Amino acid sequence: MALVSAALVLGPTPAAAQVPDTAGLAQAVGAFLVETVVPQVGRRNRLEVSAPSTAFDSAVAVFLQAAPEAALPPRRGYRNWIVTRHLDFRGDTAVVLVEQGTGWPAPVDDPYALTFFVDQNNFFFVRDPAGWRYVRRAFHSHADGGAVRG
């Protein structure tokens, strides 16, 4: 009777098949970002991989840091970065929040010009027999700015 009560209180235990394959997902996300998003960020400036906050983010960061753009020499005043910020599972779909941004020096003739932007997008992946497959991207947020205007 105590065992039945404990099962009712604790709820069902997930089966092994329900445990997400985060290592495979991190590999799929990292490879996808290096192939599609990193080239959009730009190839003129070195790509920085911002500090990851979870084990999943760290696993993706390994792939991002191996991108050729991460080995470029720094350009004074310019900064491109990318990082994954959140992982969520919605049924059979993994949703990864990816942040990317660029910063640059203000022009001499306009010290109040825009000097950075940050985009966040959700990337959706589903599991199929070959592993994780990219499905779509959804806008999350955008910010841009520069020096404070008086």
C-alpha atoms as a PDB file:
ATOM      1  CA  MET A   1       0.000   0.000   0.000  1.00  0.00           C
ATOM      2  CA  ALA A   2       2.827   2.442   0.828  1.00  0.00           C
ATOM      3  CA  LEU A   3       4.396   1.788  -2.573  1.00  0.00           C
ATOM      4  CA  VAL A   4       1.128   2.600  -4.342  1.00  0.00           C
ATOM      5  CA  SER A   5       0.783   5.807  -2.302  1.00  0.00           C
ATOM      6  CA  ALA A   6       4.334   6.848  -3.176  1.00  0.00           C
ATOM      7  CA  ALA A   7       3.660   6.241  -6.878  1.00  0.00           C
ATOM      8  CA  LEU A   8       0.537   8.391  -6.714  1.00  0.00           C
ATOM      9  CA  VAL A   9       2.367  11.225  -4.960  1.00  0.00           C
ATOM     10  CA  LEU A  10       5.552  11.152  -7.044  1.00  0.00           C
ATOM     11  CA  GLY A  11       3.887  10.463 -10.364  1.00  0.00           C
ATOM     12  CA  PRO A  12       5.143   8.269 -13.182  1.00  0.00           C
ATOM     13  CA  THR A  13       8.837   7.896 -13.841  1.00  0.00           C
ATOM     14  CA  PRO A  14       9.908   8.742 -17.396  1.00  0.00           C
ATOM     15  CA  ALA A  15      11.024   5.776 -19.451  1.00  0.00           C
ATOM     16  CA  ALA A  16      14.530   5.773 -20.886  1.00  0.00           C
ATOM     17  CA  ALA A  17      13.131   6.489 -24.363  1.00  0.00           C
ATOM     18  CA  GLN A  18      11.643   9.743 -23.072  1.00  0.00           C
ATOM     19  CA  VAL A  19      14.960  11.113 -21.825  1.00  0.00           C
ATOM     20  CA  PRO A  20      16.130  13.726 -24.346  1.00  0.00           C
ATOM     21  CA  ASP A  21      19.385  13.138 -26.215  1.00  0.00           C
ATOM     22  CA  THR A  22      21.010  16.455 -25.299  1.00  0.00           C
ATOM     23  CA  ALA A  23      24.486  15.426 -26.443  1.00  0.00           C
ATOM     24  CA  GLY A  24      23.192  14.642 -29.930  1.00  0.00           C
ATOM     25  CA  LEU A  25      21.089  17.785 -29.861  1.00  0.00           C
ATOM     26  CA  ALA A  26      24.082  19.954 -28.891  1.00  0.00           C
ATOM     27  CA  GLN A  27      26.032  18.502 -31.803  1.00  0.00           C
ATOM     28  CA  ALA A  28      23.155  19.120 -34.225  1.00  0.00           C
ATOM     29  CA  VAL A  29      22.592  22.679 -32.964  1.00  0.00           C
ATOM     30  CA  GLY A  30      26.296  23.528 -33.008  1.00  0.00           C
ATOM     31  CA  ALA A  31      26.801  22.192 -36.527  1.00  0.00           C
ATOM     32  CA  PHE A  32      23.671  23.955 -37.785  1.00  0.00           C
ATOM     33  CA  LEU A  33      24.689  27.319 -36.282  1.00  0.00           C
ATOM     34  CA  VAL A  34      28.239  27.081 -37.657  1.00  0.00           C
ATOM     35  CA  GLU A  35      26.909  26.269 -41.119  1.00  0.00           C
ATOM     36  CA  THR A  36      24.036  28.771 -41.315  1.00  0.00           C
ATOM     37  CA  VAL A  37      24.070  31.481 -38.642  1.00  0.00           C
ATOM     38  CA  VAL A  38      27.777  32.150 -38.130  1.00  0.00           C
ATOM     39  CA  PRO A  39      28.306  33.164 -41.795  1.00  0.00           C
ATOM     40  CA  GLN A  40      25.421  35.639 -41.430  1.00  0.00           C
ATOM     41  CA  VAL A  41      27.067  37.211 -38.386  1.00  0.00           C
ATOM     42  CA  GLY A  42      29.970  38.123 -40.620  1.00  0.00           C
ATOM     43  CA  ARG A  43      33.398  36.973 -41.618  1.00  0.00           C
ATOM     44  CA  ARG A  44      35.274  40.252 -41.174  1.00  0.00           C
ATOM     45  CA  ASN A  45      35.360  40.241 -37.374  1.00  0.00           C
ATOM     46  CA  ARG A  46      36.410  37.529 -34.998  1.00  0.00           C
ATOM     47  CA  LEU A  47      33.454  35.625 -33.583  1.00  0.00           C
ATOM     48  CA  GLU A  48      33.354  35.438 -29.811  1.00  0.00           C
ATOM     49  CA  VAL A  49      31.416  32.694 -28.103  1.00  0.00           C
ATOM     50  CA  SER A  50      29.884  34.270 -25.016  1.00  0.00           C
ATOM     51  CA  ALA A  51      30.134  32.492 -21.690  1.00  0.00           C
ATOM     52  CA  PRO A  52      27.726  29.550 -21.623  1.00  0.00           C
ATOM     53  CA  SER A  53      25.527  29.146 -18.563  1.00  0.00           C
ATOM     54  CA  THR A  54      24.508  25.467 -18.778  1.00  0.00           C
ATOM     55  CA  ALA A  55      26.108  22.162 -19.733  1.00  0.00           C
ATOM     56  CA  PHE A  56      24.082  22.172 -22.961  1.00  0.00           C
ATOM     57  CA  ASP A  57      25.296  25.704 -23.822  1.00  0.00           C
ATOM     58  CA  SER A  58      28.872  24.599 -23.131  1.00  0.00           C
ATOM     59  CA  ALA A  59      28.510  21.614 -25.463  1.00  0.00           C
ATOM     60  CA  VAL A  60      27.204  23.856 -28.263  1.00  0.00           C
ATOM     61  CA  ALA A  61      29.995  26.379 -27.563  1.00  0.00           C
ATOM     62  CA  VAL A  62      32.603  23.732 -28.424  1.00  0.00           C
ATOM     63  CA  PHE A  63      31.270  23.643 -31.997  1.00  0.00           C
ATOM     64  CA  LEU A  64      30.993  27.433 -32.235  1.00  0.00           C
ATOM     65  CA  GLN A  65      34.563  27.917 -31.009  1.00  0.00           C
ATOM     66  CA  ALA A  66      35.786  25.548 -33.734  1.00  0.00           C
ATOM     67  CA  ALA A  67      34.311  27.759 -36.491  1.00  0.00           C
ATOM     68  CA  PRO A  68      36.936  29.489 -38.672  1.00  0.00           C
ATOM     69  CA  GLU A  69      35.443  32.871 -37.691  1.00  0.00           C
ATOM     70  CA  ALA A  70      36.391  32.217 -34.048  1.00  0.00           C
ATOM     71  CA  ALA A  71      40.070  32.065 -35.031  1.00  0.00           C
ATOM     72  CA  LEU A  72      40.202  35.413 -36.821  1.00  0.00           C
ATOM     73  CA  PRO A  73      42.370  38.114 -35.255  1.00  0.00           C
ATOM     74  CA  PRO A  74      40.418  40.730 -33.281  1.00  0.00           C
ATOM     75  CA  ARG A  75      39.599  44.045 -34.938  1.00  0.00           C
ATOM     76  CA  ARG A  76      39.905  46.951 -32.555  1.00  0.00           C
ATOM     77  CA  GLY A  77      36.477  48.229 -31.541  1.00  0.00           C
ATOM     78  CA  TYR A  78      34.503  45.541 -33.358  1.00  0.00           C
ATOM     79  CA  ARG A  79      32.819  42.589 -31.708  1.00  0.00           C
ATOM     80  CA  ASN A  80      30.621  39.768 -32.993  1.00  0.00           C
ATOM     81  CA  TRP A  81      29.245  37.204 -30.551  1.00  0.00           C
ATOM     82  CA  ILE A  82      26.943  34.238 -30.390  1.00  0.00           C
ATOM     83  CA  VAL A  83      25.674  32.021 -27.563  1.00  0.00           C
ATOM     84  CA  THR A  84      22.813  29.690 -26.785  1.00  0.00           C
ATOM     85  CA  ARG A  85      20.793  30.952 -23.811  1.00  0.00           C
ATOM     86  CA  HIS A  86      18.032  28.455 -23.150  1.00  0.00           C
ATOM     87  CA  LEU A  87      16.890  24.936 -24.006  1.00  0.00           C
ATOM     88  CA  ASP A  88      13.295  23.803 -23.663  1.00  0.00           C
ATOM     89  CA  PHE A  89      11.461  20.679 -24.737  1.00  0.00           C
ATOM     90  CA  ARG A  90       7.921  20.956 -26.062  1.00  0.00           C
ATOM     91  CA  GLY A  91       6.739  17.441 -26.724  1.00  0.00           C
ATOM     92  CA  ASP A  92       9.055  15.969 -29.360  1.00  0.00           C
ATOM     93  CA  THR A  93      10.482  19.391 -30.247  1.00  0.00           C
ATOM     94  CA  ALA A  94      13.582  21.016 -28.767  1.00  0.00           C
ATOM     95  CA  VAL A  95      13.578  24.815 -28.676  1.00  0.00           C
ATOM     96  CA  VAL A  96      16.968  26.538 -28.399  1.00  0.00           C
ATOM     97  CA  LEU A  97      17.231  30.286 -27.782  1.00  0.00           C
ATOM     98  CA  VAL A  98      20.206  31.678 -29.712  1.00  0.00           C
ATOM     99  CA  GLU A  99      21.587  35.163 -29.123  1.00  0.00           C
ATOM    100  CA  GLN A 100      23.862  36.863 -31.610  1.00  0.00           C
ATOM    101  CA  GLY A 101      25.115  40.397 -31.705  1.00  0.00           C
ATOM    102  CA  THR A 102      27.537  42.865 -33.187  1.00  0.00           C
ATOM    103  CA  GLY A 103      29.172  45.982 -31.805  1.00  0.00           C
ATOM    104  CA  TRP A 104      31.250  48.592 -33.625  1.00  0.00           C
ATOM    105  CA  PRO A 105      32.868  51.965 -32.882  1.00  0.00           C
ATOM    106  CA  ALA A 106      30.831  55.157 -33.204  1.00  0.00           C
ATOM    107  CA  PRO A 107      31.755  57.236 -36.248  1.00  0.00           C
ATOM    108  CA  VAL A 108      33.874  60.276 -35.441  1.00  0.00           C
ATOM    109  CA  ASP A 109      31.317  62.636 -36.981  1.00  0.00           C
ATOM    110  CA  ASP A 110      28.332  61.098 -35.097  1.00  0.00           C
ATOM    111  CA  PRO A 111      29.163  59.989 -31.563  1.00  0.00           C
ATOM    112  CA  TYR A 112      25.463  59.197 -30.946  1.00  0.00           C
ATOM    113  CA  ALA A 113      25.075  56.747 -33.834  1.00  0.00           C
ATOM    114  CA  LEU A 114      23.926  53.189 -33.260  1.00  0.00           C
ATOM    115  CA  THR A 115      26.862  51.036 -32.241  1.00  0.00           C
ATOM    116  CA  PHE A 116      25.438  47.607 -31.455  1.00  0.00           C
ATOM    117  CA  PHE A 117      22.573  45.199 -31.994  1.00  0.00           C
ATOM    118  CA  VAL A 118      21.473  41.983 -30.319  1.00  0.00           C
ATOM    119  CA  ASP A 119      19.069  39.471 -31.852  1.00  0.00           C
ATOM    120  CA  GLN A 120      17.492  36.518 -30.090  1.00  0.00           C
ATOM    121  CA  ASN A 121      15.712  33.786 -32.027  1.00  0.00           C
ATOM    122  CA  ASN A 122      14.247  30.426 -31.072  1.00  0.00           C
ATOM    123  CA  PHE A 123      15.473  27.543 -33.208  1.00  0.00           C
ATOM    124  CA  PHE A 124      13.238  24.469 -33.332  1.00  0.00           C
ATOM    125  CA  PHE A 125      14.633  20.953 -33.791  1.00  0.00           C
ATOM    126  CA  VAL A 126      12.791  17.639 -33.963  1.00  0.00           C
ATOM    127  CA  ARG A 127      14.159  14.176 -33.540  1.00  0.00           C
ATOM    128  CA  ASP A 128      14.039  11.848 -36.517  1.00  0.00           C
ATOM    129  CA  PRO A 129      15.716   8.488 -37.228  1.00  0.00           C
ATOM    130  CA  ALA A 130      18.955  10.227 -38.287  1.00  0.00           C
ATOM    131  CA  GLY A 131      19.141  12.400 -35.135  1.00  0.00           C
ATOM    132  CA  TRP A 132      17.973  15.969 -34.567  1.00  0.00           C
ATOM    133  CA  ARG A 133      16.731  17.977 -37.532  1.00  0.00           C
ATOM    134  CA  TYR A 134      16.267  21.754 -37.784  1.00  0.00           C
ATOM    135  CA  VAL A 135      12.649  22.742 -38.469  1.00  0.00           C
ATOM    136  CA  ARG A 136      12.303  26.504 -38.202  1.00  0.00           C
ATOM    137  CA  ARG A 137      13.359  29.746 -36.574  1.00  0.00           C
ATOM    138  CA  ALA A 138      11.065  32.125 -34.675  1.00  0.00           C
ATOM    139  CA  PHE A 139      11.844  35.718 -33.724  1.00  0.00           C
ATOM    140  CA  HIS A 140      12.221  36.321 -29.988  1.00  0.00           C
ATOM    141  CA  SER A 141      13.677  39.825 -29.565  1.00  0.00           C
ATOM    142  CA  HIS A 142      15.850  42.542 -31.090  1.00  0.00           C
ATOM    143  CA  ALA A 143      17.686  45.436 -29.484  1.00  0.00           C
ATOM    144  CA  ASP A 144      20.012  48.051 -30.854  1.00  0.00           C
ATOM    145  CA  GLY A 145      21.568  51.113 -29.355  1.00  0.00           C
ATOM    146  CA  GLY A 146      24.505  53.366 -28.916  1.00  0.00           C
ATOM    147  CA  ALA A 147      25.633  56.257 -26.748  1.00  0.00           C
ATOM    148  CA  VAL A 148      23.026  57.827 -24.498  1.00  0.00           C
ATOM    149  CA  ARG A 149      21.405  60.781 -26.186  1.00  0.00           C
ATOM    150  CA  GLY A 150      21.085  63.789 -23.964  1.00  0.00           C
END
